[in-house]
Amino acid sequence: MDLPTQKQSIGIMGSMTIDRTAYGVGKAMQLPTGRVIIANEVQIDFVILGIAE
């Protein structure tokens, strides 16, 4: 039950890690110091809430 609306609700939270190169996303960019700006492994966190009409 969603308390503010008093309607039925369902929520899902999750997290996953993907290798962005497996999806065709280009090479990681590097700073002049050699440090990588974007890693190949990317963590995606998500929260989904559904409320009945």
Protein backbone atom coordinates (compact mmCIF):
# COMPACT_ATOMS: atom_id res chain seq x y z
CA MET A 1 0.00 0.00 0.00
CA ASP A 2 1.38 3.39 -1.00
CA LEU A 3 0.70 5.47 2.11
CA PRO A 4 0.32 8.94 0.53
CA THR A 5 -2.17 7.74 -2.12
CA GLN A 6 -3.74 4.77 -0.24
CA LYS A 7 -3.44 2.71 -3.46
CA GLN A 8 -1.88 -0.69 -4.00
CA SER A 9 1.77 -0.48 -4.95
CA ILE A 10 4.79 -2.64 -5.62
CA GLY A 11 8.43 -1.66 -5.54
CA ILE A 12 11.60 -3.27 -6.80
CA MET A 13 15.17 -2.23 -6.06
CA GLY A 14 18.20 -3.73 -7.71
CA SER A 15 21.74 -3.34 -8.85
CA MET A 16 23.80 -4.90 -11.60
CA THR A 17 27.25 -4.56 -13.07
CA ILE A 18 27.80 -4.75 -16.81
CA ASP A 19 30.82 -4.63 -19.09
CA ARG A 20 29.99 -1.67 -21.31
CA THR A 21 32.30 -2.92 -24.10
CA ALA A 22 29.97 -5.93 -24.51
CA TYR A 23 27.32 -3.45 -25.67
CA GLY A 24 29.50 -1.66 -28.19
CA VAL A 25 30.28 1.39 -26.06
CA GLY A 26 33.67 2.81 -27.08
CA LYS A 27 37.02 2.76 -25.37
CA ALA A 28 37.52 4.29 -21.95
CA MET A 29 38.93 7.82 -22.02
CA GLN A 30 42.11 8.52 -20.08
CA LEU A 31 43.44 11.65 -18.43
CA PRO A 32 47.00 12.77 -19.25
CA THR A 33 48.03 11.18 -15.94
CA GLY A 34 46.86 7.80 -17.27
CA ARG A 35 43.88 7.55 -14.94
CA VAL A 36 40.76 6.09 -16.58
CA ILE A 37 37.70 8.38 -16.64
CA ILE A 38 35.12 5.67 -17.38
CA ALA A 39 35.78 2.06 -16.47
CA ASN A 40 34.68 -0.90 -18.58
CA GLU A 41 32.66 -2.26 -15.67
CA VAL A 42 29.71 0.01 -14.90
CA GLN A 43 27.34 -0.43 -11.94
CA ILE A 44 23.68 0.36 -12.57
CA ASP A 45 21.37 0.91 -9.59
CA PHE A 46 17.62 1.10 -10.12
CA VAL A 47 14.41 1.67 -8.16
CA ILE A 48 11.02 0.92 -9.76
CA LEU A 49 7.70 1.81 -8.14
CA GLY A 50 4.32 0.86 -9.59
CA ILE A 51 1.09 2.32 -8.17
CA ALA A 52 -2.35 1.01 -9.17
CA GLU A 53 -4.82 3.45 -10.72
